[in-house]
N, C-alpha and C. Protein backbone atom coordinates (compact mmCIF):
# COMPACT_ATOMS: atom_id res chain seq x y z
N MET A 1 24.36 -8.24 -18.55
CA MET A 1 23.08 -7.90 -18.21
C MET A 1 22.56 -8.63 -16.84
N PHE A 2 21.89 -8.12 -15.88
CA PHE A 2 21.68 -8.88 -14.66
C PHE A 2 20.41 -9.50 -14.86
N PRO A 3 20.41 -10.84 -14.25
CA PRO A 3 19.10 -11.45 -14.14
C PRO A 3 18.19 -10.71 -13.37
N ALA A 4 16.81 -10.95 -13.40
CA ALA A 4 15.84 -10.03 -12.68
C ALA A 4 15.94 -10.70 -11.18
N PRO A 5 15.96 -9.85 -10.17
CA PRO A 5 16.13 -10.30 -8.82
C PRO A 5 14.99 -11.26 -8.27
N GLN A 6 13.72 -10.80 -8.73
CA GLN A 6 12.52 -11.58 -8.11
C GLN A 6 12.61 -13.06 -8.70
N SER A 7 13.10 -13.36 -10.02
CA SER A 7 13.20 -14.55 -10.52
C SER A 7 14.29 -15.39 -9.85
N LEU A 8 15.27 -14.76 -9.22
CA LEU A 8 16.29 -15.27 -8.47
C LEU A 8 15.80 -15.94 -7.31
N ILE A 9 14.99 -15.13 -6.54
CA ILE A 9 14.24 -15.81 -5.34
C ILE A 9 13.52 -16.97 -5.48
N VAL A 10 12.75 -16.98 -6.73
CA VAL A 10 12.11 -18.37 -7.02
C VAL A 10 12.95 -19.47 -7.20
N LEU A 11 14.10 -19.08 -7.94
CA LEU A 11 15.13 -20.21 -8.16
C LEU A 11 15.56 -20.39 -6.94
N LEU A 12 16.04 -19.73 -5.95
CA LEU A 12 16.54 -20.24 -4.65
C LEU A 12 15.65 -21.16 -3.97
N LEU A 13 14.39 -20.95 -4.09
CA LEU A 13 13.36 -21.60 -3.55
C LEU A 13 12.90 -23.03 -4.05
N PHE A 14 13.04 -22.91 -5.40
CA PHE A 14 12.61 -24.17 -5.89
C PHE A 14 13.59 -24.99 -6.89
N ILE A 15 14.85 -24.63 -7.01
CA ILE A 15 15.79 -25.41 -7.68
C ILE A 15 16.02 -26.58 -6.88
N LEU A 16 15.88 -26.41 -5.55
CA LEU A 16 16.45 -27.44 -4.53
C LEU A 16 15.70 -28.95 -4.71
N GLY A 17 14.27 -28.74 -4.98
CA GLY A 17 13.68 -30.02 -5.10
C GLY A 17 13.55 -30.83 -4.04
N PRO A 18 13.03 -32.07 -3.91
CA PRO A 18 12.94 -32.85 -2.66
C PRO A 18 14.16 -33.09 -1.97
N PHE A 19 14.20 -33.63 -0.80
CA PHE A 19 15.35 -34.05 -0.13
C PHE A 19 16.40 -34.68 -0.95
N SER A 20 17.56 -34.45 -0.79
CA SER A 20 18.59 -35.00 -1.55
C SER A 20 19.56 -35.70 -0.86
N GLU A 21 20.17 -36.70 -1.42
CA GLU A 21 21.02 -37.73 -0.93
C GLU A 21 22.56 -37.20 -0.72
N THR A 22 23.18 -37.37 0.27
CA THR A 22 24.57 -36.68 0.43
C THR A 22 25.50 -37.93 1.02
N ASP A 23 26.84 -37.61 0.90
CA ASP A 23 27.77 -38.55 1.22
C ASP A 23 27.83 -38.88 2.83
N GLN A 24 28.32 -39.82 3.38
CA GLN A 24 28.14 -40.47 4.67
C GLN A 24 28.84 -39.28 5.73
N ALA A 25 29.93 -38.85 5.21
CA ALA A 25 30.65 -37.83 6.20
C ALA A 25 29.99 -36.63 6.31
N PHE A 26 29.08 -36.12 5.42
CA PHE A 26 28.13 -34.95 5.59
C PHE A 26 27.20 -35.15 6.49
N LEU A 27 26.78 -36.46 6.48
CA LEU A 27 25.52 -36.94 7.24
C LEU A 27 25.78 -37.00 8.60
N ARG A 28 27.10 -37.15 8.99
CA ARG A 28 27.64 -37.36 10.52
C ARG A 28 27.57 -35.87 10.99
N GLN A 29 27.26 -34.85 10.60
CA GLN A 29 27.32 -33.56 11.22
C GLN A 29 26.42 -33.53 12.44
N ASP A 30 26.47 -32.50 13.24
CA ASP A 30 25.62 -32.35 14.36
C ASP A 30 24.31 -31.73 13.52
N SER A 31 23.26 -31.89 14.39
CA SER A 31 21.91 -31.56 13.78
C SER A 31 21.39 -30.67 14.80
N PRO A 32 21.76 -29.40 14.86
CA PRO A 32 20.93 -28.40 15.87
C PRO A 32 19.59 -28.25 15.58
N ASP A 33 18.67 -28.14 16.63
CA ASP A 33 17.17 -28.12 16.58
C ASP A 33 16.79 -26.56 16.62
N GLN A 34 17.68 -25.66 16.64
CA GLN A 34 17.28 -24.17 16.84
C GLN A 34 16.58 -23.71 15.35
N ILE A 35 15.55 -23.16 15.79
CA ILE A 35 14.78 -22.64 14.59
C ILE A 35 15.17 -21.28 14.15
N ILE A 36 15.32 -21.09 12.93
CA ILE A 36 15.95 -19.94 12.40
C ILE A 36 14.88 -19.22 11.84
N ARG A 37 14.43 -18.00 12.41
CA ARG A 37 13.31 -17.11 11.94
C ARG A 37 13.82 -15.82 11.77
N SER A 38 13.89 -15.42 10.45
CA SER A 38 14.45 -14.33 9.95
C SER A 38 13.76 -12.88 10.12
N GLN A 39 14.55 -11.86 10.33
CA GLN A 39 13.96 -10.60 10.51
C GLN A 39 14.89 -9.62 9.78
N ARG A 40 14.20 -8.80 9.17
CA ARG A 40 15.04 -7.90 7.99
C ARG A 40 15.72 -6.80 8.87
N PRO A 41 17.06 -6.57 8.77
CA PRO A 41 17.60 -5.43 9.57
C PRO A 41 17.04 -4.25 9.00
N GLU A 42 17.19 -2.91 9.71
CA GLU A 42 16.54 -1.77 9.43
C GLU A 42 17.10 -1.12 8.29
N ASN A 43 18.47 -1.27 7.99
CA ASN A 43 19.20 -0.60 6.79
C ASN A 43 20.53 -1.53 6.58
N THR A 44 21.27 -1.02 5.66
CA THR A 44 22.39 -1.49 5.23
C THR A 44 23.44 -1.38 6.41
N ALA A 45 23.51 -0.32 7.03
CA ALA A 45 24.42 -0.12 8.16
C ALA A 45 24.32 -1.06 9.23
N ALA A 46 22.96 -1.48 9.61
CA ALA A 46 22.55 -2.31 10.72
C ALA A 46 22.85 -3.78 10.26
N LEU A 47 22.72 -4.12 8.91
CA LEU A 47 23.26 -5.36 8.48
C LEU A 47 24.64 -5.55 8.70
N ILE A 48 25.50 -4.57 8.20
CA ILE A 48 27.02 -4.81 8.43
C ILE A 48 27.30 -4.76 9.66
N GLN A 49 26.86 -3.98 10.45
CA GLN A 49 27.38 -3.90 12.04
C GLN A 49 26.86 -5.21 12.80
N SER A 50 25.79 -5.74 12.48
CA SER A 50 25.25 -6.87 13.15
C SER A 50 25.79 -8.13 12.59
N SER A 51 26.44 -8.11 11.65
CA SER A 51 27.00 -9.41 10.94
C SER A 51 28.29 -9.77 11.60
N ASP A 52 28.43 -11.05 12.16
CA ASP A 52 29.69 -11.54 12.49
C ASP A 52 30.55 -12.04 11.56
N LEU A 53 30.07 -12.30 10.43
CA LEU A 53 30.93 -12.88 9.09
C LEU A 53 30.35 -12.22 7.91
N VAL A 54 31.20 -11.44 7.03
CA VAL A 54 30.74 -11.35 5.72
C VAL A 54 31.75 -11.93 4.75
N ILE A 55 31.14 -12.79 3.84
CA ILE A 55 32.08 -13.77 3.21
C ILE A 55 31.46 -14.04 1.82
N GLN A 56 32.55 -14.01 0.79
CA GLN A 56 32.28 -14.49 -0.50
C GLN A 56 32.42 -16.20 -0.49
N VAL A 57 31.43 -16.95 -0.95
CA VAL A 57 31.45 -18.16 -0.84
C VAL A 57 30.99 -18.74 -2.25
N HIS A 58 31.28 -20.03 -2.37
CA HIS A 58 30.71 -21.02 -3.38
C HIS A 58 29.91 -22.14 -2.46
N ILE A 59 28.65 -22.33 -2.89
CA ILE A 59 27.74 -23.40 -2.32
C ILE A 59 27.46 -24.33 -3.43
N ASP A 60 27.83 -25.79 -3.06
CA ASP A 60 27.45 -26.84 -4.04
C ASP A 60 26.11 -27.40 -3.72
N GLY A 61 25.80 -28.48 -4.49
CA GLY A 61 24.45 -28.80 -4.31
C GLY A 61 24.04 -29.72 -3.15
N ARG A 62 24.98 -30.12 -2.43
CA ARG A 62 24.94 -30.89 -1.38
C ARG A 62 24.09 -30.37 -0.21
N ILE A 63 23.08 -30.91 0.43
CA ILE A 63 22.26 -30.34 1.45
C ILE A 63 21.82 -31.51 2.32
N ARG A 64 21.99 -31.39 3.66
CA ARG A 64 21.45 -32.15 4.50
C ARG A 64 20.55 -31.66 5.38
N ARG A 65 19.27 -32.37 5.43
CA ARG A 65 17.94 -31.89 5.97
C ARG A 65 17.76 -32.70 7.16
N TRP A 66 17.26 -32.30 8.24
CA TRP A 66 16.49 -33.08 9.33
C TRP A 66 15.48 -32.46 9.88
N GLU A 67 14.32 -33.27 10.32
CA GLU A 67 13.13 -32.81 10.98
C GLU A 67 13.51 -32.01 12.38
N THR A 68 12.77 -30.90 12.69
CA THR A 68 13.13 -30.24 13.97
C THR A 68 11.90 -30.63 14.91
N GLY A 69 10.75 -31.44 14.41
CA GLY A 69 9.69 -31.64 15.32
C GLY A 69 8.68 -30.62 15.62
N TRP A 70 8.97 -29.53 15.00
CA TRP A 70 8.01 -28.23 14.94
C TRP A 70 7.06 -28.13 13.87
N LYS A 71 5.95 -27.79 14.04
CA LYS A 71 5.04 -27.56 12.75
C LYS A 71 4.24 -26.19 12.91
N LEU A 72 3.86 -25.65 11.68
CA LEU A 72 3.16 -24.23 11.88
C LEU A 72 1.62 -24.82 12.04
N SER A 73 0.92 -23.75 12.18
CA SER A 73 -0.70 -24.04 12.51
C SER A 73 -1.26 -24.73 11.18
N SER A 74 -0.51 -24.41 10.06
CA SER A 74 -1.23 -25.11 8.83
C SER A 74 -0.92 -26.48 8.77
N GLY A 75 0.08 -26.90 9.56
CA GLY A 75 0.30 -28.36 9.48
C GLY A 75 1.55 -28.72 8.72
N ARG A 76 2.03 -27.64 8.11
CA ARG A 76 3.59 -27.80 7.37
C ARG A 76 4.69 -27.88 8.48
N ARG A 77 5.58 -28.82 8.12
CA ARG A 77 6.87 -29.09 9.02
C ARG A 77 7.93 -27.97 9.02
N LEU A 78 8.69 -27.65 9.99
CA LEU A 78 9.84 -26.92 10.06
C LEU A 78 10.93 -27.87 10.03
N VAL A 79 11.76 -27.59 8.69
CA VAL A 79 12.95 -28.68 8.60
C VAL A 79 14.12 -27.86 8.51
N ASN A 80 14.97 -28.13 9.28
CA ASN A 80 16.53 -27.43 9.18
C ASN A 80 17.39 -28.15 8.18
N ALA A 81 18.19 -27.34 7.69
CA ALA A 81 19.10 -27.97 6.71
C ALA A 81 20.49 -27.24 6.95
N SER A 82 21.63 -28.10 6.37
CA SER A 82 23.08 -27.70 6.66
C SER A 82 23.58 -27.74 5.12
N GLN A 83 24.43 -26.78 4.98
CA GLN A 83 25.06 -26.72 3.69
C GLN A 83 26.71 -26.25 4.04
N LYS A 84 27.68 -26.80 3.27
CA LYS A 84 29.02 -26.54 3.41
C LYS A 84 29.26 -25.24 2.63
N LEU A 85 29.82 -24.23 3.12
CA LEU A 85 30.22 -22.86 2.68
C LEU A 85 32.04 -23.18 2.08
N TYR A 86 32.18 -22.78 0.88
CA TYR A 86 33.45 -22.95 0.56
C TYR A 86 33.94 -21.31 0.32
N PRO A 87 34.75 -20.95 1.10
CA PRO A 87 35.16 -19.51 1.17
C PRO A 87 35.98 -19.15 0.10
N VAL A 88 35.85 -18.04 -0.50
CA VAL A 88 36.58 -17.52 -1.58
C VAL A 88 37.23 -16.33 -1.01
N SER A 89 36.82 -15.31 -0.26
CA SER A 89 37.22 -14.27 0.27
C SER A 89 36.50 -13.79 1.48
N VAL A 90 37.15 -13.36 2.48
CA VAL A 90 36.46 -13.12 3.87
C VAL A 90 36.44 -11.45 4.07
N LEU A 91 35.47 -10.79 4.01
CA LEU A 91 35.44 -9.26 4.12
C LEU A 91 35.15 -8.68 5.50
N LYS A 92 34.77 -9.48 6.45
CA LYS A 92 34.60 -9.10 7.75
C LYS A 92 34.36 -10.38 8.58
N GLY A 93 35.12 -10.62 9.95
CA GLY A 93 34.98 -11.53 10.71
C GLY A 93 35.99 -12.73 10.50
N THR A 94 35.96 -13.75 11.46
CA THR A 94 36.75 -15.06 11.13
C THR A 94 35.92 -16.17 11.54
N PHE A 95 36.58 -17.20 11.16
CA PHE A 95 36.03 -18.73 11.73
C PHE A 95 37.26 -19.44 11.79
N SER A 96 36.96 -20.37 12.95
CA SER A 96 38.00 -21.21 13.37
C SER A 96 37.79 -22.83 12.53
N ALA A 97 36.76 -23.20 12.07
CA ALA A 97 36.57 -24.26 11.54
C ALA A 97 35.73 -24.02 10.22
N PRO A 98 35.90 -24.93 9.22
CA PRO A 98 35.17 -24.63 8.02
C PRO A 98 33.56 -24.45 8.29
N PRO A 99 33.19 -23.21 7.88
CA PRO A 99 31.85 -22.89 8.13
C PRO A 99 30.79 -23.61 7.42
N LEU A 100 29.61 -23.72 8.22
CA LEU A 100 28.45 -24.34 7.69
C LEU A 100 27.28 -23.44 7.81
N LEU A 101 26.30 -23.26 6.87
CA LEU A 101 25.21 -22.43 6.96
C LEU A 101 23.97 -23.40 7.33
N LEU A 102 23.40 -23.03 8.35
CA LEU A 102 22.11 -23.47 9.19
C LEU A 102 21.02 -22.67 8.80
N THR A 103 19.90 -23.38 8.11
CA THR A 103 18.65 -22.72 7.94
C THR A 103 17.36 -23.39 8.30
N THR A 104 16.42 -22.73 8.44
CA THR A 104 15.15 -23.42 8.61
C THR A 104 14.14 -23.27 7.57
N GLY A 105 13.57 -24.07 7.05
CA GLY A 105 12.60 -24.06 5.82
C GLY A 105 11.32 -24.78 6.17
N ILE A 106 10.34 -24.61 5.25
CA ILE A 106 9.00 -25.27 5.37
C ILE A 106 8.79 -26.39 4.44
N GLU A 107 8.31 -27.50 4.85
CA GLU A 107 7.87 -28.71 4.05
C GLU A 107 6.43 -29.15 4.08
N PRO A 108 5.53 -29.13 3.20
CA PRO A 108 5.86 -28.64 1.87
C PRO A 108 6.23 -27.34 1.64
N LEU A 109 6.90 -27.09 0.50
CA LEU A 109 7.24 -25.46 0.27
C LEU A 109 5.87 -24.83 -0.10
N PRO A 110 5.81 -23.50 0.46
CA PRO A 110 4.78 -22.62 0.11
C PRO A 110 4.99 -22.03 -1.17
N VAL A 111 3.85 -21.54 -1.79
CA VAL A 111 4.00 -20.85 -3.17
C VAL A 111 5.03 -19.76 -3.04
N PRO A 112 5.56 -19.26 -4.18
CA PRO A 112 6.58 -18.19 -4.03
C PRO A 112 6.57 -16.93 -3.49
N ASP A 113 5.22 -16.47 -3.59
CA ASP A 113 4.92 -15.36 -3.11
C ASP A 113 4.43 -15.33 -1.79
N ASP A 114 4.58 -16.51 -0.95
CA ASP A 114 4.03 -16.67 0.28
C ASP A 114 5.08 -15.95 1.25
N PRO A 115 4.60 -15.06 2.11
CA PRO A 115 5.49 -14.12 3.29
C PRO A 115 6.19 -15.13 4.01
N LEU A 116 6.02 -16.44 4.22
CA LEU A 116 6.55 -17.29 5.14
C LEU A 116 8.02 -17.65 4.44
N ASN A 117 7.96 -17.43 3.21
CA ASN A 117 9.38 -17.70 2.58
C ASN A 117 10.41 -16.78 2.90
N ARG A 118 9.91 -15.54 3.31
CA ARG A 118 10.97 -14.41 3.96
C ARG A 118 11.22 -14.63 5.10
N ILE A 119 10.61 -15.59 5.93
CA ILE A 119 10.87 -15.77 7.42
C ILE A 119 11.75 -16.93 7.54
N TYR A 120 11.33 -18.02 6.94
CA TYR A 120 11.96 -19.33 6.91
C TYR A 120 12.48 -19.76 5.57
N THR A 121 13.81 -19.39 5.26
CA THR A 121 14.34 -19.35 3.96
C THR A 121 14.61 -20.50 3.44
N GLY A 122 14.93 -21.37 4.17
CA GLY A 122 15.27 -22.84 3.79
C GLY A 122 16.72 -22.84 2.91
N PRO A 123 17.47 -23.97 2.53
CA PRO A 123 18.67 -23.79 2.12
C PRO A 123 18.68 -23.05 0.68
N LEU A 124 20.01 -22.72 0.46
CA LEU A 124 20.20 -21.78 -0.77
C LEU A 124 20.56 -22.88 -1.95
N ALA A 125 20.25 -22.37 -3.00
CA ALA A 125 20.65 -23.08 -4.42
C ALA A 125 22.29 -22.87 -4.42
N ASP A 126 22.72 -24.01 -5.15
CA ASP A 126 24.19 -23.95 -5.55
C ASP A 126 24.63 -22.75 -6.31
N GLY A 127 25.79 -22.11 -5.88
CA GLY A 127 26.12 -20.76 -6.77
C GLY A 127 27.08 -20.11 -6.03
N GLU A 128 27.44 -18.91 -6.39
CA GLU A 128 28.34 -18.09 -5.58
C GLU A 128 27.66 -16.98 -5.08
N TYR A 129 28.04 -16.73 -3.90
CA TYR A 129 27.28 -15.63 -3.11
C TYR A 129 28.05 -14.76 -2.32
N LEU A 130 27.70 -13.63 -1.88
CA LEU A 130 28.18 -12.75 -0.81
C LEU A 130 27.17 -12.90 0.24
N LEU A 131 27.60 -13.37 1.37
CA LEU A 131 26.66 -13.67 2.57
C LEU A 131 27.00 -12.78 3.73
N PHE A 132 25.88 -12.17 4.50
CA PHE A 132 26.04 -11.61 5.80
C PHE A 132 25.59 -12.60 6.68
N LEU A 133 26.44 -12.88 7.63
CA LEU A 133 26.06 -14.18 8.57
C LEU A 133 26.33 -13.69 10.17
N ARG A 134 25.43 -14.31 10.90
CA ARG A 134 25.65 -14.27 12.17
C ARG A 134 26.15 -15.69 12.79
N SER A 135 26.82 -15.51 14.03
CA SER A 135 27.13 -16.83 14.75
C SER A 135 25.83 -17.52 15.22
N SER A 136 25.83 -18.75 15.35
CA SER A 136 24.77 -19.47 15.98
C SER A 136 25.29 -19.95 17.17
N ALA A 137 24.10 -20.58 17.83
CA ALA A 137 24.45 -21.22 19.10
C ALA A 137 25.16 -22.65 19.13
N ALA A 138 25.63 -23.14 17.83
CA ALA A 138 26.03 -24.30 17.71
C ALA A 138 27.29 -24.05 16.67
N PRO A 139 28.53 -23.70 16.79
CA PRO A 139 29.59 -23.56 16.09
C PRO A 139 29.87 -24.88 15.45
N PRO A 140 30.25 -25.14 14.17
CA PRO A 140 30.75 -23.89 13.11
C PRO A 140 29.55 -23.48 12.51
N PHE A 141 28.38 -23.68 12.75
CA PHE A 141 27.20 -23.28 12.04
C PHE A 141 26.97 -21.60 11.96
N PHE A 142 26.86 -20.99 11.03
CA PHE A 142 26.18 -19.62 10.85
C PHE A 142 24.94 -19.51 10.34
N ILE A 143 24.22 -18.50 10.64
CA ILE A 143 22.94 -18.23 10.04
C ILE A 143 22.80 -16.92 9.27
N LEU A 144 21.91 -17.05 8.25
CA LEU A 144 21.83 -15.76 7.36
C LEU A 144 21.39 -14.60 8.36
N ASN A 145 21.99 -13.50 8.04
CA ASN A 145 21.54 -12.24 9.17
C ASN A 145 20.43 -11.57 8.31
N GLY A 146 19.25 -11.73 8.77
CA GLY A 146 17.93 -11.19 8.34
C GLY A 146 17.55 -11.94 6.79
N GLY A 147 17.82 -13.17 7.05
CA GLY A 147 17.35 -13.89 5.90
C GLY A 147 17.90 -13.54 4.42
N PHE A 148 16.97 -13.36 3.45
CA PHE A 148 17.44 -12.94 2.24
C PHE A 148 18.07 -11.59 2.14
N SER A 149 17.75 -10.77 3.14
CA SER A 149 18.53 -9.42 3.21
C SER A 149 20.07 -9.76 3.26
N GLY A 150 20.45 -10.86 3.86
CA GLY A 150 21.90 -11.22 3.94
C GLY A 150 22.55 -12.10 2.62
N VAL A 151 21.80 -12.16 1.67
CA VAL A 151 22.11 -13.10 0.56
C VAL A 151 22.31 -12.35 -0.75
N TYR A 152 23.49 -12.35 -1.33
CA TYR A 152 23.59 -11.55 -2.52
C TYR A 152 24.31 -12.29 -3.70
N PRO A 153 23.50 -12.86 -4.63
CA PRO A 153 24.13 -13.75 -5.55
C PRO A 153 25.25 -12.95 -6.30
N ILE A 154 26.44 -13.54 -6.58
CA ILE A 154 27.28 -13.12 -7.57
C ILE A 154 27.23 -13.26 -9.06
N TYR A 155 27.04 -12.31 -9.99
CA TYR A 155 26.94 -12.62 -11.18
C TYR A 155 28.06 -11.70 -12.02
N SER A 156 29.06 -12.38 -12.77
CA SER A 156 30.03 -11.57 -13.47
C SER A 156 30.75 -10.80 -12.60
N GLY A 157 30.99 -11.26 -11.26
CA GLY A 157 32.00 -10.59 -10.38
C GLY A 157 31.18 -9.43 -9.62
N SER A 158 29.92 -9.27 -9.85
CA SER A 158 29.23 -8.04 -8.96
C SER A 158 28.00 -8.83 -8.27
N THR A 159 27.69 -8.06 -7.34
CA THR A 159 26.50 -8.56 -6.52
C THR A 159 25.08 -8.26 -7.02
N ILE A 160 24.03 -8.90 -6.63
CA ILE A 160 22.69 -8.70 -7.08
C ILE A 160 21.86 -8.65 -5.72
N ALA A 161 21.20 -7.62 -5.65
CA ALA A 161 20.30 -7.38 -4.51
C ALA A 161 18.83 -7.87 -4.88
N LEU A 162 18.36 -8.77 -4.02
CA LEU A 162 17.20 -9.51 -4.42
C LEU A 162 15.99 -8.56 -4.06
N ASP A 163 14.99 -8.49 -4.90
CA ASP A 163 13.86 -7.69 -4.70
C ASP A 163 13.26 -7.99 -3.22
N THR A 164 12.67 -6.76 -2.64
CA THR A 164 11.97 -6.69 -1.39
C THR A 164 12.85 -6.87 -0.21
N ASP A 165 13.75 -7.87 -0.26
CA ASP A 165 14.64 -8.22 0.92
C ASP A 165 15.99 -7.60 0.72
N GLY A 166 16.54 -7.53 -0.50
CA GLY A 166 17.99 -6.95 -0.66
C GLY A 166 17.98 -5.56 -0.45
N PHE A 167 19.26 -5.04 0.04
CA PHE A 167 19.45 -3.58 0.11
C PHE A 167 20.02 -3.16 -1.23
N PRO A 168 19.32 -2.14 -1.88
CA PRO A 168 19.82 -1.80 -3.28
C PRO A 168 21.26 -1.36 -3.26
N ASP A 169 21.82 -0.79 -2.18
CA ASP A 169 23.08 -0.07 -2.06
C ASP A 169 24.12 -1.25 -2.07
N LEU A 170 23.86 -2.35 -1.91
CA LEU A 170 24.71 -3.57 -1.89
C LEU A 170 24.62 -4.51 -3.09
N GLY A 171 23.82 -4.00 -4.05
CA GLY A 171 23.66 -4.57 -5.36
C GLY A 171 24.63 -3.95 -6.37
N ARG A 172 25.05 -4.62 -7.37
CA ARG A 172 26.01 -4.17 -8.51
C ARG A 172 27.28 -3.67 -7.88
N LYS A 173 27.61 -4.38 -7.01
CA LYS A 173 29.15 -4.01 -6.34
C LYS A 173 30.12 -5.16 -6.55
N THR A 174 31.23 -4.77 -6.83
CA THR A 174 32.38 -5.86 -6.70
C THR A 174 32.81 -5.99 -5.24
N MET A 175 33.57 -7.04 -4.95
CA MET A 175 33.84 -7.51 -3.71
C MET A 175 34.81 -6.29 -2.91
N ASP A 176 35.62 -5.59 -3.85
CA ASP A 176 36.48 -4.56 -3.43
C ASP A 176 35.54 -3.40 -3.02
N GLN A 177 34.51 -3.07 -3.78
CA GLN A 177 33.70 -2.03 -3.46
C GLN A 177 32.89 -2.46 -2.06
N ILE A 178 32.51 -3.59 -1.73
CA ILE A 178 31.81 -4.01 -0.63
C ILE A 178 32.79 -3.83 0.61
N ALA A 179 34.07 -4.37 0.43
CA ALA A 179 35.07 -4.33 1.28
C ALA A 179 35.44 -2.68 1.77
N THR A 180 35.35 -1.80 0.86
CA THR A 180 35.57 -0.52 1.11
C THR A 180 34.18 0.09 2.04
N MET A 181 33.16 -0.38 1.70
CA MET A 181 31.92 0.07 2.35
C MET A 181 32.10 -0.44 3.82
N ILE A 182 32.40 -1.75 4.10
CA ILE A 182 32.57 -2.18 5.44
C ILE A 182 33.61 -1.55 6.10
N ARG A 183 34.86 -1.26 5.51
CA ARG A 183 36.08 -0.43 6.33
C ARG A 183 35.52 0.67 6.68
N ARG A 184 34.78 1.46 5.90
CA ARG A 184 34.42 2.95 6.29
C ARG A 184 33.20 2.72 7.30
N MET A 185 32.51 1.85 7.29
CA MET A 185 31.42 1.76 8.35
C MET A 185 32.00 1.32 9.64
N GLU A 186 32.84 0.34 9.56
CA GLU A 186 33.69 0.11 10.88
C GLU A 186 34.63 1.16 11.37
N SER A 187 35.08 2.09 10.62
CA SER A 187 36.01 3.03 10.91
C SER A 187 35.03 4.28 11.69
N ARG A 188 33.85 4.50 11.02
CA ARG A 188 32.98 5.50 11.86
C ARG A 188 32.55 4.90 13.05
N THR A 189 32.16 3.66 13.20
CA THR A 189 31.72 2.92 14.63
C THR A 189 32.85 2.99 15.50
N GLN A 190 34.05 2.76 15.01
CA GLN A 190 35.17 2.83 16.12
C GLN A 190 35.34 4.19 16.65
N ARG A 191 35.23 5.19 15.79
CA ARG A 191 35.54 6.85 16.14
C ARG A 191 34.40 7.10 17.24
N PHE A 192 33.17 6.79 16.94
CA PHE A 192 32.23 6.83 17.63
C PHE A 192 32.31 6.45 19.30
N PHE A 193 32.75 4.96 19.19
CA PHE A 193 33.02 4.43 20.65
C PHE A 193 34.29 4.82 21.17
N SER A 194 35.06 5.39 20.36
CA SER A 194 36.38 5.89 21.09
C SER A 194 36.22 7.12 21.74
N ILE A 195 35.35 7.96 21.20
CA ILE A 195 34.88 9.27 21.83
C ILE A 195 34.01 9.00 22.91
N SER A 196 33.05 8.15 22.75
CA SER A 196 32.23 7.73 23.91
C SER A 196 32.93 7.32 25.20
N ALA A 197 33.92 6.48 25.08
CA ALA A 197 34.78 5.80 25.97
C ALA A 197 35.54 6.92 26.57
N VAL A 198 35.79 7.88 26.01
CA VAL A 198 36.69 9.15 26.85
C VAL A 198 35.67 9.99 27.62
N ASP A 199 34.68 10.54 26.91
CA ASP A 199 33.71 11.49 27.34
C ASP A 199 32.85 10.87 28.61
N ARG A 200 32.46 9.70 28.59
CA ARG A 200 31.42 9.26 29.54
C ARG A 200 32.14 9.04 30.92
N PRO A 201 33.46 8.44 31.07
CA PRO A 201 34.01 8.39 32.43
C PRO A 201 34.42 9.79 33.04
N TYR A 202 34.71 10.61 31.93
CA TYR A 202 35.04 12.00 32.49
C TYR A 202 34.02 12.72 33.21
N ILE A 203 32.88 12.48 32.51
CA ILE A 203 31.51 13.31 33.12
C ILE A 203 31.36 12.72 34.62
N LEU A 204 31.35 11.29 34.42
CA LEU A 204 31.22 10.61 35.91
C LEU A 204 32.04 10.90 36.92
N ILE A 205 33.42 11.03 36.56
CA ILE A 205 34.39 11.38 37.71
C ILE A 205 34.05 12.82 38.06
N ARG A 206 34.05 13.73 37.12
CA ARG A 206 33.64 15.12 37.27
C ARG A 206 32.53 15.31 38.34
N ASN A 207 31.39 14.49 38.12
CA ASN A 207 30.25 14.47 38.96
C ASN A 207 30.46 13.96 40.55
N GLU A 208 31.41 13.09 40.54
CA GLU A 208 31.71 12.58 41.84
C GLU A 208 32.49 13.63 42.86
N LYS A 209 33.39 14.39 42.08
CA LYS A 209 34.03 15.47 42.63
C LYS A 209 33.19 16.56 43.06
N LYS A 210 32.21 17.01 42.31
CA LYS A 210 31.15 18.02 42.50
C LYS A 210 30.31 17.72 43.85
N THR A 211 30.00 16.34 44.03
CA THR A 211 29.20 15.81 45.03
C THR A 211 30.09 15.55 46.30
N GLY A 212 31.51 15.75 46.26
CA GLY A 212 32.20 15.52 47.43
C GLY A 212 32.54 13.92 47.61
N GLY A 213 32.56 13.18 46.38
CA GLY A 213 32.80 11.91 46.31
C GLY A 213 34.33 11.70 46.74
N ARG A 214 34.78 10.58 47.47
CA ARG A 214 36.06 10.37 47.64
C ARG A 214 36.76 9.49 46.63
N ASN A 215 36.02 8.72 45.73
CA ASN A 215 36.56 7.93 44.72
C ASN A 215 36.97 8.65 43.56
N TYR A 216 37.86 9.47 43.54
CA TYR A 216 38.09 10.24 42.36
C TYR A 216 38.64 9.55 41.18
N GLY A 217 39.13 8.41 41.49
CA GLY A 217 39.84 7.72 40.36
C GLY A 217 39.05 6.61 39.55
N LYS A 218 37.73 6.42 40.40
CA LYS A 218 36.86 5.27 39.89
C LYS A 218 36.14 5.72 38.53
N ILE A 219 36.46 4.87 37.51
CA ILE A 219 35.76 5.14 36.14
C ILE A 219 34.63 4.13 36.06
N HIS A 220 33.38 4.71 35.61
CA HIS A 220 32.33 3.60 35.26
C HIS A 220 32.24 3.70 33.72
N TYR A 221 31.95 2.78 33.08
CA TYR A 221 31.54 2.73 31.76
C TYR A 221 30.11 2.40 31.44
N SER A 222 29.34 2.22 32.53
CA SER A 222 27.98 1.81 32.25
C SER A 222 27.12 2.89 31.49
N HIS A 223 26.28 2.48 30.64
CA HIS A 223 25.61 3.50 29.85
C HIS A 223 24.49 4.03 30.87
N LYS A 224 24.13 5.31 30.35
CA LYS A 224 22.92 5.99 31.29
C LYS A 224 21.92 5.74 30.28
């Protein structure tokens, strides 16, 4: 039986508690001041296509936080956090160094149903996840693609889609099923761009011939 998705969001927000102590090696990492403001993708296809990395990971309880110097109009502070990602399997993308998760959260924490929690997610609770990530401006940091829309806790080998933010068709899936979805999506995308790359230059070259142009061999890939 799956846990209730809404209760999991509350767990992700509040299991962390106040700032935690971490080992010195973890503290010596870079501290990007980028503010991560989440926006939910339109649909599952957009989430998959816009993700640079789709990865099954384990996250432990170590979190490194630092002040960004920014505040909301309410006076609450925007605080960045870094977490180490321990890869289990990679379903899309690559990384050249051990990946780190970069998030922006609010201190003090808002109440669980505050919409700000969906915009500034803060760090994740320890556990197993399938994450949809985008590259950040400061490698090896990655950011959540669409906030909690890119977070799928794994329970008994299957994903859980969080209420409100998660896409239902990505819930109750094994990693093999998710991998198949991604392959099919990428295959359709590749076929579309393959057809476009053939048709668009042909039309442009033909138009040059009709207008008496001399550069018959010139191919333009610019979009109209």
